[in-house]
Structures are given as C-alpha cells and as structure tokens.
Amino acid sequence: MALELERLRGTCETGFTRVDGQLALLVQRGDQTDKDIAELKSEVEALKRARWPLPSIAAVCGVAGLGMALWQASGR
C-alpha cells in the first residue's frame, strides 16, 4: 500500500511539474503578446500624428484656389 502511494505521489509531482512548466510558457507568451500590442499601439499613434498635414494641405489649397478665383474675377 505504501509503495503504491509513493508511486501515486511521484506521478502527481511529475504531472504538477509539467503543468507548472506549461503555465510558465503561457505566461511568457502572454507577456510577449502584451509587449507586441504596446509596440503596435505606439506605431499607430505615430501614424496618426504623421497624417495631420493632409487636411491642412487640402485647406491651404482650397483657400489658394479661392484667392486665385477672386483675383481673376476682380482683375478681369
């Protein structure tokens, strides 16, 4: 009986060790995923900041076109 209990204890220990290793791997992968998400978030924010000139350029072109139209209308 004692021998069987010792084998059962060894089997449980081995199983727990394996599960602990797998959990550690999952935690490591989760941390890596969090790091990747943070990097992607910072890249998206950089892209958002870089796109601001487009609407401004469109507004300047529109004002310049209006100015040219008014200049032509008043000059001729």
PDB file of N, CA and C in Angstrom:
ATOM      1  N   MET A   1       0.816  -1.186   0.000  1.00  0.00           N
ATOM      2  CA  MET A   1       0.000   0.000   0.000  1.00  0.00           C
ATOM      3  C   MET A   1       0.868   1.262   0.000  1.00  0.00           C
ATOM      4  N   ALA A   2       1.890   1.246   0.844  1.00  0.00           N
ATOM      5  CA  ALA A   2       2.765   2.417   0.943  1.00  0.00           C
ATOM      6  C   ALA A   2       3.516   2.631  -0.371  1.00  0.00           C
ATOM      7  N   LEU A   3       3.895   1.545  -1.031  1.00  0.00           N
ATOM      8  CA  LEU A   3       4.601   1.637  -2.304  1.00  0.00           C
ATOM      9  C   LEU A   3       3.704   2.256  -3.375  1.00  0.00           C
ATOM     10  N   GLU A   4       2.451   1.877  -3.400  1.00  0.00           N
ATOM     11  CA  GLU A   4       1.506   2.435  -4.375  1.00  0.00           C
ATOM     12  C   GLU A   4       1.268   3.918  -4.114  1.00  0.00           C
ATOM     13  N   LEU A   5       1.164   4.306  -2.851  1.00  0.00           N
ATOM     14  CA  LEU A   5       1.001   5.717  -2.511  1.00  0.00           C
ATOM     15  C   LEU A   5       2.220   6.527  -2.938  1.00  0.00           C
ATOM     16  N   GLU A   6       3.392   5.940  -2.780  1.00  0.00           N
ATOM     17  CA  GLU A   6       4.630   6.637  -3.192  1.00  0.00           C
ATOM     18  C   GLU A   6       4.662   6.810  -4.711  1.00  0.00           C
ATOM     19  N   ARG A   7       4.244   5.809  -5.456  1.00  0.00           N
ATOM     20  CA  ARG A   7       4.180   5.926  -6.917  1.00  0.00           C
ATOM     21  C   ARG A   7       3.166   6.991  -7.332  1.00  0.00           C
ATOM     22  N   LEU A   8       2.021   6.985  -6.671  1.00  0.00           N
ATOM     23  CA  LEU A   8       0.995   7.971  -6.959  1.00  0.00           C
ATOM     24  C   LEU A   8       1.513   9.385  -6.668  1.00  0.00           C
ATOM     25  N   ARG A   9       2.231   9.525  -5.581  1.00  0.00           N
ATOM     26  CA  ARG A   9       2.810  10.826  -5.234  1.00  0.00           C
ATOM     27  C   ARG A   9       3.820  11.261  -6.294  1.00  0.00           C
ATOM     28  N   GLY A  10       4.642  10.347  -6.745  1.00  0.00           N
ATOM     29  CA  GLY A  10       5.619  10.660  -7.793  1.00  0.00           C
ATOM     30  C   GLY A  10       4.937  11.038  -9.096  1.00  0.00           C
ATOM     31  N   THR A  11       3.878  10.338  -9.448  1.00  0.00           N
ATOM     32  CA  THR A  11       3.134  10.649 -10.666  1.00  0.00           C
ATOM     33  C   THR A  11       2.501  12.031 -10.563  1.00  0.00           C
ATOM     34  N   CYS A  12       1.917  12.333  -9.421  1.00  0.00           N
ATOM     35  CA  CYS A  12       1.305  13.655  -9.221  1.00  0.00           C
ATOM     36  C   CYS A  12       2.360  14.753  -9.287  1.00  0.00           C
ATOM     37  N   GLU A  13       3.502  14.518  -8.672  1.00  0.00           N
ATOM     38  CA  GLU A  13       4.587  15.513  -8.703  1.00  0.00           C
ATOM     39  C   GLU A  13       5.046  15.773 -10.126  1.00  0.00           C
ATOM     40  N   THR A  14       5.208  14.715 -10.888  1.00  0.00           N
ATOM     41  CA  THR A  14       5.626  14.855 -12.279  1.00  0.00           C
ATOM     42  C   THR A  14       4.576  15.624 -13.076  1.00  0.00           C
ATOM     43  N   GLY A  15       3.327  15.308 -12.858  1.00  0.00           N
ATOM     44  CA  GLY A  15       2.246  15.993 -13.564  1.00  0.00           C
ATOM     45  C   GLY A  15       2.186  17.463 -13.201  1.00  0.00           C
ATOM     46  N   PHE A  16       2.316  17.767 -11.913  1.00  0.00           N
ATOM     47  CA  PHE A  16       2.295  19.162 -11.483  1.00  0.00           C
ATOM     48  C   PHE A  16       3.483  19.938 -12.037  1.00  0.00           C
ATOM     49  N   THR A  17       4.632  19.296 -12.108  1.00  0.00           N
ATOM     50  CA  THR A  17       5.819  19.955 -12.658  1.00  0.00           C
ATOM     51  C   THR A  17       5.609  20.276 -14.131  1.00  0.00           C
ATOM     52  N   ARG A  18       5.030  19.348 -14.857  1.00  0.00           N
ATOM     53  CA  ARG A  18       4.766  19.572 -16.272  1.00  0.00           C
ATOM     54  C   ARG A  18       3.729  20.687 -16.473  1.00  0.00           C
ATOM     55  N   VAL A  19       2.684  20.676 -15.687  1.00  0.00           N
ATOM     56  CA  VAL A  19       1.652  21.716 -15.773  1.00  0.00           C
ATOM     57  C   VAL A  19       2.246  23.068 -15.405  1.00  0.00           C
ATOM     58  N   ASP A  20       3.104  23.101 -14.396  1.00  0.00           N
ATOM     59  CA  ASP A  20       3.749  24.349 -13.994  1.00  0.00           C
ATOM     60  C   ASP A  20       4.613  24.900 -15.123  1.00  0.00           C
ATOM     61  N   GLY A  21       5.317  24.028 -15.808  1.00  0.00           N
ATOM     62  CA  GLY A  21       6.129  24.461 -16.949  1.00  0.00           C
ATOM     63  C   GLY A  21       5.282  25.007 -18.080  1.00  0.00           C
ATOM     64  N   GLN A  22       4.171  24.355 -18.338  1.00  0.00           N
ATOM     65  CA  GLN A  22       3.281  24.824 -19.392  1.00  0.00           C
ATOM     66  C   GLN A  22       2.655  26.162 -19.037  1.00  0.00           C
ATOM     67  N   LEU A  23       2.298  26.342 -17.768  1.00  0.00           N
ATOM     68  CA  LEU A  23       1.739  27.621 -17.331  1.00  0.00           C
ATOM     69  C   LEU A  23       2.778  28.738 -17.446  1.00  0.00           C
ATOM     70  N   ALA A  24       4.013  28.427 -17.106  1.00  0.00           N
ATOM     71  CA  ALA A  24       5.075  29.427 -17.230  1.00  0.00           C
ATOM     72  C   ALA A  24       5.255  29.836 -18.689  1.00  0.00           C
ATOM     73  N   LEU A  25       5.159  28.876 -19.587  1.00  0.00           N
ATOM     74  CA  LEU A  25       5.263  29.179 -21.013  1.00  0.00           C
ATOM     75  C   LEU A  25       4.102  30.050 -21.476  1.00  0.00           C
ATOM     76  N   LEU A  26       2.897  29.758 -21.009  1.00  0.00           N
ATOM     77  CA  LEU A  26       1.738  30.569 -21.368  1.00  0.00           C
ATOM     78  C   LEU A  26       1.872  32.001 -20.832  1.00  0.00           C
ATOM     79  N   VAL A  27       2.390  32.149 -19.638  1.00  0.00           N
ATOM     80  CA  VAL A  27       2.597  33.484 -19.073  1.00  0.00           C
ATOM     81  C   VAL A  27       3.623  34.244 -19.904  1.00  0.00           C
ATOM     82  N   GLN A  28       4.691  33.555 -20.303  1.00  0.00           N
ATOM     83  CA  GLN A  28       5.715  34.194 -21.129  1.00  0.00           C
ATOM     84  C   GLN A  28       5.128  34.632 -22.469  1.00  0.00           C
ATOM     85  N   ARG A  29       4.334  33.794 -23.084  1.00  0.00           N
ATOM     86  CA  ARG A  29       3.694  34.152 -24.362  1.00  0.00           C
ATOM     87  C   ARG A  29       2.733  35.317 -24.175  1.00  0.00           C
ATOM     88  N   GLY A  30       1.998  35.332 -23.075  1.00  0.00           N
ATOM     89  CA  GLY A  30       1.097  36.441 -22.794  1.00  0.00           C
ATOM     90  C   GLY A  30       1.844  37.752 -22.617  1.00  0.00           C
ATOM     91  N   ASP A  31       2.970  37.697 -21.921  1.00  0.00           N
ATOM     92  CA  ASP A  31       3.795  38.899 -21.756  1.00  0.00           C
ATOM     93  C   ASP A  31       4.324  39.387 -23.097  1.00  0.00           C
ATOM     94  N   GLN A  32       4.748  38.467 -23.946  1.00  0.00           N
ATOM     95  CA  GLN A  32       5.249  38.838 -25.270  1.00  0.00           C
ATOM     96  C   GLN A  32       4.134  39.454 -26.104  1.00  0.00           C
ATOM     97  N   THR A  33       2.937  38.893 -25.997  1.00  0.00           N
ATOM     98  CA  THR A  33       1.791  39.439 -26.728  1.00  0.00           C
ATOM     99  C   THR A  33       1.473  40.850 -26.244  1.00  0.00           C
ATOM    100  N   ASP A  34       1.508  41.068 -24.933  1.00  0.00           N
ATOM    101  CA  ASP A  34       1.278  42.404 -24.391  1.00  0.00           C
ATOM    102  C   ASP A  34       2.316  43.391 -24.898  1.00  0.00           C
ATOM    103  N   LYS A  35       3.565  42.953 -24.973  1.00  0.00           N
ATOM    104  CA  LYS A  35       4.641  43.807 -25.481  1.00  0.00           C
ATOM    105  C   LYS A  35       4.404  44.148 -26.951  1.00  0.00           C
ATOM    106  N   ASP A  36       4.011  43.152 -27.752  1.00  0.00           N
ATOM    107  CA  ASP A  36       3.730  43.382 -29.173  1.00  0.00           C
ATOM    108  C   ASP A  36       2.568  44.345 -29.358  1.00  0.00           C
ATOM    109  N   ILE A  37       1.536  44.200 -28.537  1.00  0.00           N
ATOM    110  CA  ILE A  37       0.380  45.098 -28.633  1.00  0.00           C
ATOM    111  C   ILE A  37       0.789  46.523 -28.295  1.00  0.00           C
ATOM    112  N   ALA A  38       1.623  46.694 -27.282  1.00  0.00           N
ATOM    113  CA  ALA A  38       2.083  48.031 -26.912  1.00  0.00           C
ATOM    114  C   ALA A  38       2.899  48.660 -28.044  1.00  0.00           C
ATOM    115  N   GLU A  39       3.749  47.861 -28.693  1.00  0.00           N
ATOM    116  CA  GLU A  39       4.538  48.372 -29.816  1.00  0.00           C
ATOM    117  C   GLU A  39       3.632  48.784 -30.976  1.00  0.00           C
ATOM    118  N   LEU A  40       2.642  47.954 -31.286  1.00  0.00           N
ATOM    119  CA  LEU A  40       1.716  48.280 -32.370  1.00  0.00           C
ATOM    120  C   LEU A  40       0.902  49.531 -32.042  1.00  0.00           C
ATOM    121  N   LYS A  41       0.527  49.674 -30.795  1.00  0.00           N
ATOM    122  CA  LYS A  41      -0.234  50.850 -30.383  1.00  0.00           C
ATOM    123  C   LYS A  41       0.597  52.120 -30.565  1.00  0.00           C
ATOM    124  N   SER A  42       1.876  52.054 -30.200  1.00  0.00           N
ATOM    125  CA  SER A  42       2.730  53.233 -30.374  1.00  0.00           C
ATOM    126  C   SER A  42       2.949  53.537 -31.855  1.00  0.00           C
ATOM    127  N   GLU A  43       3.036  52.510 -32.695  1.00  0.00           N
ATOM    128  CA  GLU A  43       3.186  52.733 -34.135  1.00  0.00           C
ATOM    129  C   GLU A  43       1.929  53.368 -34.725  1.00  0.00           C
ATOM    130  N   VAL A  44       0.763  52.931 -34.275  1.00  0.00           N
ATOM    131  CA  VAL A  44      -0.488  53.517 -34.760  1.00  0.00           C
ATOM    132  C   VAL A  44      -0.580  54.978 -34.339  1.00  0.00           C
ATOM    133  N   GLU A  45      -0.183  55.272 -33.116  1.00  0.00           N
ATOM    134  CA  GLU A  45      -0.202  56.663 -32.652  1.00  0.00           C
ATOM    135  C   GLU A  45       0.750  57.522 -33.480  1.00  0.00           C
ATOM    136  N   ALA A  46       1.914  56.977 -33.833  1.00  0.00           N
ATOM    137  CA  ALA A  46       2.861  57.721 -34.668  1.00  0.00           C
ATOM    138  C   ALA A  46       2.275  57.973 -36.054  1.00  0.00           C
ATOM    139  N   LEU A  47       1.578  56.985 -36.598  1.00  0.00           N
ATOM    140  CA  LEU A  47       0.938  57.170 -37.902  1.00  0.00           C
ATOM    141  C   LEU A  47      -0.173  58.205 -37.833  1.00  0.00           C
ATOM    142  N   LYS A  48      -0.910  58.224 -36.734  1.00  0.00           N
ATOM    143  CA  LYS A  48      -1.970  59.221 -36.578  1.00  0.00           C
ATOM    144  C   LYS A  48      -1.379  60.628 -36.523  1.00  0.00           C
ATOM    145  N   ARG A  49      -0.249  60.773 -35.836  1.00  0.00           N
ATOM    146  CA  ARG A  49       0.395  62.090 -35.760  1.00  0.00           C
ATOM    147  C   ARG A  49       0.967  62.509 -37.103  1.00  0.00           C
ATOM    148  N   ALA A  50       1.392  61.560 -37.908  1.00  0.00           N
ATOM    149  CA  ALA A  50       2.023  61.878 -39.193  1.00  0.00           C
ATOM    150  C   ALA A  50       0.999  62.256 -40.262  1.00  0.00           C
ATOM    151  N   ARG A  51      -0.263  61.957 -40.055  1.00  0.00           N
ATOM    152  CA  ARG A  51      -1.245  62.232 -41.099  1.00  0.00           C
ATOM    153  C   ARG A  51      -1.874  63.612 -40.986  1.00  0.00           C
ATOM    154  N   TRP A  52      -1.532  64.398 -39.972  1.00  0.00           N
ATOM    155  CA  TRP A  52      -2.171  65.702 -39.780  1.00  0.00           C
ATOM    156  C   TRP A  52      -1.959  66.668 -40.936  1.00  0.00           C
ATOM    157  N   PRO A  53      -0.841  66.644 -41.673  1.00  0.00           N
ATOM    158  CA  PRO A  53      -0.670  67.646 -42.734  1.00  0.00           C
ATOM    159  C   PRO A  53      -1.661  67.502 -43.888  1.00  0.00           C
ATOM    160  N   LEU A  54      -2.203  66.343 -44.134  1.00  0.00           N
ATOM    161  CA  LEU A  54      -3.079  66.151 -45.294  1.00  0.00           C
ATOM    162  C   LEU A  54      -4.317  67.050 -45.249  1.00  0.00           C
ATOM    163  N   PRO A  55      -5.070  67.096 -44.184  1.00  0.00           N
ATOM    164  CA  PRO A  55      -6.213  68.017 -44.164  1.00  0.00           C
ATOM    165  C   PRO A  55      -5.770  69.478 -44.216  1.00  0.00           C
ATOM    166  N   SER A  56      -4.642  69.776 -43.605  1.00  0.00           N
ATOM    167  CA  SER A  56      -4.144  71.157 -43.628  1.00  0.00           C
ATOM    168  C   SER A  56      -3.742  71.564 -45.038  1.00  0.00           C
ATOM    169  N   ILE A  57      -3.096  70.661 -45.750  1.00  0.00           N
ATOM    170  CA  ILE A  57      -2.693  70.953 -47.131  1.00  0.00           C
ATOM    171  C   ILE A  57      -3.932  71.144 -48.001  1.00  0.00           C
ATOM    172  N   ALA A  58      -4.947  70.336 -47.800  1.00  0.00           N
ATOM    173  CA  ALA A  58      -6.191  70.475 -48.563  1.00  0.00           C
ATOM    174  C   ALA A  58      -6.850  71.825 -48.279  1.00  0.00           C
ATOM    175  N   ALA A  59      -6.836  72.250 -47.027  1.00  0.00           N
ATOM    176  CA  ALA A  59      -7.430  73.546 -46.683  1.00  0.00           C
ATOM    177  C   ALA A  59      -6.645  74.685 -47.311  1.00  0.00           C
ATOM    178  N   VAL A  60      -5.325  74.602 -47.289  1.00  0.00           N
ATOM    179  CA  VAL A  60      -4.489  75.647 -47.892  1.00  0.00           C
ATOM    180  C   VAL A  60      -4.724  75.706 -49.397  1.00  0.00           C
ATOM    181  N   CYS A  61      -4.834  74.553 -50.047  1.00  0.00           N
ATOM    182  CA  CYS A  61      -5.098  74.530 -51.489  1.00  0.00           C
ATOM    183  C   CYS A  61      -6.466  75.135 -51.792  1.00  0.00           C
ATOM    184  N   GLY A  62      -7.452  74.842 -50.970  1.00  0.00           N
ATOM    185  CA  GLY A  62      -8.776  75.407 -51.173  1.00  0.00           C
ATOM    186  C   GLY A  62      -8.773  76.923 -51.021  1.00  0.00           C
ATOM    187  N   VAL A  63      -8.089  77.407 -49.998  1.00  0.00           N
ATOM    188  CA  VAL A  63      -8.005  78.862 -49.791  1.00  0.00           C
ATOM    189  C   VAL A  63      -7.228  79.512 -50.930  1.00  0.00           C
ATOM    190  N   ALA A  64      -6.167  78.865 -51.391  1.00  0.00           N
ATOM    191  CA  ALA A  64      -5.385  79.409 -52.507  1.00  0.00           C
ATOM    192  C   ALA A  64      -6.241  79.447 -53.777  1.00  0.00           C
ATOM    193  N   GLY A  65      -7.018  78.410 -54.019  1.00  0.00           N
ATOM    194  CA  GLY A  65      -7.906  78.381 -55.182  1.00  0.00           C
ATOM    195  C   GLY A  65      -8.958  79.477 -55.101  1.00  0.00           C
ATOM    196  N   LEU A  66      -9.514  79.685 -53.917  1.00  0.00           N
ATOM    197  CA  LEU A  66     -10.487  80.762 -53.729  1.00  0.00           C
ATOM    198  C   LEU A  66      -9.833  82.116 -53.962  1.00  0.00           C
ATOM    199  N   GLY A  67      -8.625  82.268 -53.453  1.00  0.00           N
ATOM    200  CA  GLY A  67      -7.893  83.519 -53.660  1.00  0.00           C
ATOM    201  C   GLY A  67      -7.610  83.778 -55.133  1.00  0.00           C
ATOM    202  N   MET A  68      -7.222  82.752 -55.852  1.00  0.00           N
ATOM    203  CA  MET A  68      -6.957  82.898 -57.289  1.00  0.00           C
ATOM    204  C   MET A  68      -8.248  83.235 -58.046  1.00  0.00           C
ATOM    205  N   ALA A  69      -9.352  82.604 -57.651  1.00  0.00           N
ATOM    206  CA  ALA A  69     -10.626  82.882 -58.315  1.00  0.00           C
ATOM    207  C   ALA A  69     -11.050  84.320 -58.057  1.00  0.00           C
ATOM    208  N   LEU A  70     -10.904  84.790 -56.830  1.00  0.00           N
ATOM    209  CA  LEU A  70     -11.244  86.164 -56.526  1.00  0.00           C
ATOM    210  C   LEU A  70     -10.323  87.172 -57.246  1.00  0.00           C
ATOM    211  N   TRP A  71      -9.048  86.815 -57.344  1.00  0.00           N
ATOM    212  CA  TRP A  71      -8.072  87.688 -58.015  1.00  0.00           C
ATOM    213  C   TRP A  71      -8.412  87.802 -59.520  1.00  0.00           C
ATOM    214  N   GLN A  72      -8.738  86.658 -60.106  1.00  0.00           N
ATOM    215  CA  GLN A  72      -9.112  86.665 -61.514  1.00  0.00           C
ATOM    216  C   GLN A  72     -10.419  87.411 -61.747  1.00  0.00           C
ATOM    217  N   ALA A  73     -11.368  87.241 -60.854  1.00  0.00           N
ATOM    218  CA  ALA A  73     -12.665  87.901 -61.007  1.00  0.00           C
ATOM    219  C   ALA A  73     -12.528  89.417 -60.858  1.00  0.00           C
ATOM    220  N   SER A  74     -11.685  89.856 -59.969  1.00  0.00           N
ATOM    221  CA  SER A  74     -11.522  91.282 -59.767  1.00  0.00           C
ATOM    222  C   SER A  74     -10.598  91.913 -60.837  1.00  0.00           C
ATOM    223  N   GLY A  75      -9.710  91.161 -61.376  1.00  0.00           N
ATOM    224  CA  GLY A  75      -8.748  91.676 -62.352  1.00  0.00           C
ATOM    225  C   GLY A  75      -9.309  91.740 -63.752  1.00  0.00           C
ATOM    226  N   ARG A  76     -10.321  91.029 -64.094  1.00  0.00           N
ATOM    227  CA  ARG A  76     -10.813  90.974 -65.456  1.00  0.00           C
ATOM    228  C   ARG A  76     -12.192  91.431 -65.584  1.00  0.00           C
TER     229      ARG A  76
END
